[in-house]
Every structure is written in structure tokens, then in C-alpha cells.
Amino acid sequence: MPQEKDCGVNHQSIPEAIRHAEESLGFRGKHVEPFWGTTRWNCHLVIGFQSGTRKRWRLDFSDKPENGQPPKFIHVNEENFEAPPGQQKVLHRVDSMKNENGHYWVELQWRKWTSGYDPPEKVREEVEFYRKPKG
């Protein structure tokens, strides 16, 4: 899996990190579509926004160290699959919010975005799949 690179900016807020990702992707102020979560834990939530299928950003949280690096805590993942390998994934850290409670802020923002959209059929089907009793 390609490693992500750091954007090099110490963002002080979630909106600042999002603006930077949007500017980098070239769709700041343009029409974007919601990007729905892809795991059983967030498939019912808008976790970011995309322009087509090749450019998107996602708000995320991780309190676990990865590959010998400190935890990312609140961050924005910028993904541009039109860029050359090694430049497709960019990390935007939100330095002012480095703590274990950041997941509450991320979840709150996801729910705020989600409230503005009706889930597409694919999302509704996925939610139902995960709600079915196993057995």
C-alpha cells in the first residue's frame, strides 16, 4: 500500500485542513458529492467529499501509532488517484486537537454532514446487511 506524505502545514482547525486539501485537489468552491464511509462502523455516515471517483478527502481519527510514527489523531486524508504514485495520498494533521477525545469531534462533524443527505440505495443496503443477525 502506498505511503501517505505529510502536507507540511500545521493546521489549527478541521476547516483549515479541509480547505488545504480542497485547494490541493483543485475543487475548492466547486460542486462535490458526499463520500460515504466504507466500513461497517461508518457506512451510514458522510465522512468526506469527492469530485468524481478519483479525487476525494476524508475526515478521520486515529489514536494508534502506525509504522513507528506517533498517532495522527484528527486528520484529513487527501486522495488523488490521478496523481503519480507516491503523491496520491496526502495527510493533513490538525495539530491543535491532538488528544484521545478527538474522535468525538470527528463523529460530530460526520453526523452534521450526514444530516444534509439522504443515503443512496447502496448505503441503505449495506446498513441493512450489517444489522442482520448473524447465524
C-alpha atoms as a PDB file:
ATOM      1  CA  MET A   1       0.000   0.000   0.000  1.00  0.00           C
ATOM      2  CA  PRO A   2       1.441   3.412  -0.943  1.00  0.00           C
ATOM      3  CA  GLN A   3       2.600   5.500   1.986  1.00  0.00           C
ATOM      4  CA  GLU A   4       0.951   8.856   2.532  1.00  0.00           C
ATOM      5  CA  LYS A   5       3.017  12.015   2.669  1.00  0.00           C
ATOM      6  CA  ASP A   6       2.507  14.859   5.119  1.00  0.00           C
ATOM      7  CA  CYS A   7       1.242  18.138   3.621  1.00  0.00           C
ATOM      8  CA  GLY A   8       3.825  20.076   5.638  1.00  0.00           C
ATOM      9  CA  VAL A   9       1.352  22.508   7.254  1.00  0.00           C
ATOM     10  CA  ASN A  10       0.471  22.555  10.962  1.00  0.00           C
ATOM     11  CA  HIS A  11      -3.303  23.002  10.675  1.00  0.00           C
ATOM     12  CA  GLN A  12      -5.014  24.608  13.652  1.00  0.00           C
ATOM     13  CA  SER A  13      -8.577  23.539  12.822  1.00  0.00           C
ATOM     14  CA  ILE A  14     -10.562  20.965  10.890  1.00  0.00           C
ATOM     15  CA  PRO A  15     -11.900  23.573   8.403  1.00  0.00           C
ATOM     16  CA  GLU A  16      -8.356  24.799   7.737  1.00  0.00           C
ATOM     17  CA  ALA A  17      -7.172  21.254   6.944  1.00  0.00           C
ATOM     18  CA  ILE A  18     -10.209  20.669   4.705  1.00  0.00           C
ATOM     19  CA  ARG A  19      -9.596  23.941   2.817  1.00  0.00           C
ATOM     20  CA  HIS A  20      -5.979  22.964   2.202  1.00  0.00           C
ATOM     21  CA  ALA A  21      -6.990  19.525   0.875  1.00  0.00           C
ATOM     22  CA  GLU A  22      -9.684  21.042  -1.369  1.00  0.00           C
ATOM     23  CA  GLU A  23      -7.257  23.608  -2.767  1.00  0.00           C
ATOM     24  CA  SER A  24      -4.685  20.902  -3.431  1.00  0.00           C
ATOM     25  CA  LEU A  25      -7.285  18.730  -5.177  1.00  0.00           C
ATOM     26  CA  GLY A  26      -8.485  21.686  -7.263  1.00  0.00           C
ATOM     27  CA  PHE A  27     -12.098  21.650  -6.164  1.00  0.00           C
ATOM     28  CA  ARG A  28     -12.294  24.400  -3.569  1.00  0.00           C
ATOM     29  CA  GLY A  29     -15.646  26.123  -4.152  1.00  0.00           C
ATOM     30  CA  LYS A  30     -16.751  23.610  -6.813  1.00  0.00           C
ATOM     31  CA  HIS A  31     -19.606  21.095  -6.705  1.00  0.00           C
ATOM     32  CA  VAL A  32     -18.698  17.959  -4.755  1.00  0.00           C
ATOM     33  CA  GLU A  33     -20.591  14.831  -3.765  1.00  0.00           C
ATOM     34  CA  PRO A  34     -20.683  13.226  -0.319  1.00  0.00           C
ATOM     35  CA  PHE A  35     -18.266  10.375   0.295  1.00  0.00           C
ATOM     36  CA  TRP A  36     -19.940   7.731   2.459  1.00  0.00           C
ATOM     37  CA  GLY A  37     -17.966   5.594   4.906  1.00  0.00           C
ATOM     38  CA  THR A  38     -16.740   2.218   3.722  1.00  0.00           C
ATOM     39  CA  THR A  39     -16.570   0.234   6.970  1.00  0.00           C
ATOM     40  CA  ARG A  40     -19.311  -1.408   8.998  1.00  0.00           C
ATOM     41  CA  TRP A  41     -18.787   1.296  11.632  1.00  0.00           C
ATOM     42  CA  ASN A  42     -19.224   4.317   9.380  1.00  0.00           C
ATOM     43  CA  CYS A  43     -21.029   3.138   6.219  1.00  0.00           C
ATOM     44  CA  HIS A  44     -24.111   5.153   7.263  1.00  0.00           C
ATOM     45  CA  LEU A  45     -22.162   8.414   7.595  1.00  0.00           C
ATOM     46  CA  VAL A  46     -20.783  11.045   5.218  1.00  0.00           C
ATOM     47  CA  ILE A  47     -17.083  11.065   6.130  1.00  0.00           C
ATOM     48  CA  GLY A  48     -15.819  13.397   3.405  1.00  0.00           C
ATOM     49  CA  PHE A  49     -16.443  14.702  -0.090  1.00  0.00           C
ATOM     50  CA  GLN A  50     -15.372  13.749  -3.610  1.00  0.00           C
ATOM     51  CA  SER A  51     -15.211  15.107  -7.119  1.00  0.00           C
ATOM     52  CA  GLY A  52     -15.761  12.137  -9.408  1.00  0.00           C
ATOM     53  CA  THR A  53     -14.288   8.812  -8.328  1.00  0.00           C
ATOM     54  CA  ARG A  54     -10.604   9.760  -8.494  1.00  0.00           C
ATOM     55  CA  LYS A  55     -10.319  12.738  -6.094  1.00  0.00           C
ATOM     56  CA  ARG A  56     -11.600  12.979  -2.538  1.00  0.00           C
ATOM     57  CA  TRP A  57     -10.852  13.950   1.030  1.00  0.00           C
ATOM     58  CA  ARG A  58     -11.977  12.235   4.220  1.00  0.00           C
ATOM     59  CA  LEU A  59     -12.039  13.417   7.823  1.00  0.00           C
ATOM     60  CA  ASP A  60     -10.552  10.734  10.061  1.00  0.00           C
ATOM     61  CA  PHE A  61      -9.247   9.972  13.540  1.00  0.00           C
ATOM     62  CA  SER A  62      -6.624   7.532  14.765  1.00  0.00           C
ATOM     63  CA  ASP A  63      -5.146   7.314  18.255  1.00  0.00           C
ATOM     64  CA  LYS A  64      -2.883   4.365  17.387  1.00  0.00           C
ATOM     65  CA  PRO A  65       0.773   4.726  16.343  1.00  0.00           C
ATOM     66  CA  GLU A  66       1.476   3.413  12.829  1.00  0.00           C
ATOM     67  CA  ASN A  67       4.767   2.292  11.298  1.00  0.00           C
ATOM     68  CA  GLY A  68       6.779   3.749  14.181  1.00  0.00           C
ATOM     69  CA  GLN A  69       5.058   7.143  13.785  1.00  0.00           C
ATOM     70  CA  PRO A  70       3.046   8.867  16.546  1.00  0.00           C
ATOM     71  CA  PRO A  71      -0.766   8.776  16.346  1.00  0.00           C
ATOM     72  CA  LYS A  72      -2.380  11.047  13.751  1.00  0.00           C
ATOM     73  CA  PHE A  73      -5.364  11.936  15.967  1.00  0.00           C
ATOM     74  CA  ILE A  74      -7.719  14.214  13.964  1.00  0.00           C
ATOM     75  CA  HIS A  75      -6.626  14.479  10.357  1.00  0.00           C
ATOM     76  CA  VAL A  76      -7.839  14.825   6.774  1.00  0.00           C
ATOM     77  CA  ASN A  77      -6.843  12.228   4.200  1.00  0.00           C
ATOM     78  CA  GLU A  78      -6.477  13.757   0.741  1.00  0.00           C
ATOM     79  CA  GLU A  79      -6.615  11.193  -2.085  1.00  0.00           C
ATOM     80  CA  ASN A  80      -5.914  12.000  -5.730  1.00  0.00           C
ATOM     81  CA  PHE A  81      -5.659   8.851  -7.832  1.00  0.00           C
ATOM     82  CA  GLU A  82      -4.848  10.927 -10.925  1.00  0.00           C
ATOM     83  CA  ALA A  83      -1.526  11.975  -9.351  1.00  0.00           C
ATOM     84  CA  PRO A  84       1.674   9.960  -9.848  1.00  0.00           C
ATOM     85  CA  PRO A  85       2.334   7.112  -7.386  1.00  0.00           C
ATOM     86  CA  GLY A  86       3.835   8.450  -4.178  1.00  0.00           C
ATOM     87  CA  GLN A  87       1.818  11.659  -4.484  1.00  0.00           C
ATOM     88  CA  GLN A  88      -1.687  10.172  -4.391  1.00  0.00           C
ATOM     89  CA  LYS A  89      -2.213  10.258  -0.619  1.00  0.00           C
ATOM     90  CA  VAL A  90      -1.574  13.348   1.491  1.00  0.00           C
ATOM     91  CA  LEU A  91      -2.056  13.675   5.241  1.00  0.00           C
ATOM     92  CA  HIS A  92      -3.354  16.928   6.758  1.00  0.00           C
ATOM     93  CA  ARG A  93      -2.890  16.815  10.545  1.00  0.00           C
ATOM     94  CA  VAL A  94      -4.949  19.028  12.870  1.00  0.00           C
ATOM     95  CA  ASP A  95      -2.244  19.791  15.404  1.00  0.00           C
ATOM     96  CA  SER A  96      -4.344  21.864  17.795  1.00  0.00           C
ATOM     97  CA  MET A  97      -6.599  18.878  18.505  1.00  0.00           C
ATOM     98  CA  LYS A  98      -4.078  16.183  19.428  1.00  0.00           C
ATOM     99  CA  ASN A  99      -5.849  14.182  22.108  1.00  0.00           C
ATOM    100  CA  GLU A 100      -7.710  10.937  22.644  1.00  0.00           C
ATOM    101  CA  ASN A 101     -11.116  12.688  22.630  1.00  0.00           C
ATOM    102  CA  GLY A 102     -10.777  13.818  19.018  1.00  0.00           C
ATOM    103  CA  HIS A 103     -12.994  11.004  17.814  1.00  0.00           C
ATOM    104  CA  TYR A 104     -15.968  12.863  19.338  1.00  0.00           C
ATOM    105  CA  TRP A 105     -15.241  15.905  17.151  1.00  0.00           C
ATOM    106  CA  VAL A 106     -14.874  13.718  14.061  1.00  0.00           C
ATOM    107  CA  GLU A 107     -18.096  11.817  14.778  1.00  0.00           C
ATOM    108  CA  LEU A 108     -19.958  15.081  15.395  1.00  0.00           C
ATOM    109  CA  GLN A 109     -18.772  16.512  12.075  1.00  0.00           C
ATOM    110  CA  TRP A 110     -19.664  13.290  10.198  1.00  0.00           C
ATOM    111  CA  ARG A 111     -23.190  13.406  11.666  1.00  0.00           C
ATOM    112  CA  LYS A 112     -23.555  17.077  10.754  1.00  0.00           C
ATOM    113  CA  TRP A 113     -22.651  16.363   7.115  1.00  0.00           C
ATOM    114  CA  THR A 114     -24.836  13.248   7.017  1.00  0.00           C
ATOM    115  CA  SER A 115     -27.897  15.199   8.202  1.00  0.00           C
ATOM    116  CA  GLY A 116     -27.868  17.075   4.885  1.00  0.00           C
ATOM    117  CA  TYR A 117     -28.184  13.984   2.678  1.00  0.00           C
ATOM    118  CA  ASP A 118     -30.460  11.029   2.120  1.00  0.00           C
ATOM    119  CA  PRO A 119     -28.416   7.829   1.975  1.00  0.00           C
ATOM    120  CA  PRO A 120     -28.257   6.296  -1.505  1.00  0.00           C
ATOM    121  CA  GLU A 121     -29.714   2.825  -2.038  1.00  0.00           C
ATOM    122  CA  LYS A 122     -26.263   1.199  -1.889  1.00  0.00           C
ATOM    123  CA  VAL A 123     -25.672   2.708   1.575  1.00  0.00           C
ATOM    124  CA  ARG A 124     -29.118   1.640   2.833  1.00  0.00           C
ATOM    125  CA  GLU A 125     -28.455  -1.930   1.649  1.00  0.00           C
ATOM    126  CA  GLU A 126     -25.081  -2.000   3.384  1.00  0.00           C
ATOM    127  CA  VAL A 127     -26.563  -0.738   6.652  1.00  0.00           C
ATOM    128  CA  GLU A 128     -29.263  -3.433   6.494  1.00  0.00           C
ATOM    129  CA  PHE A 129     -26.626  -6.096   5.803  1.00  0.00           C
ATOM    130  CA  TYR A 130     -24.716  -5.160   8.962  1.00  0.00           C
ATOM    131  CA  ARG A 131     -27.915  -5.003  11.051  1.00  0.00           C
ATOM    132  CA  LYS A 132     -28.989  -8.545  10.176  1.00  0.00           C
ATOM    133  CA  PRO A 133     -28.426 -11.035  12.985  1.00  0.00           C
ATOM    134  CA  LYS A 134     -25.591 -13.469  12.310  1.00  0.00           C
ATOM    135  CA  GLY A 135     -26.380 -17.109  12.446  1.00  0.00           C
END
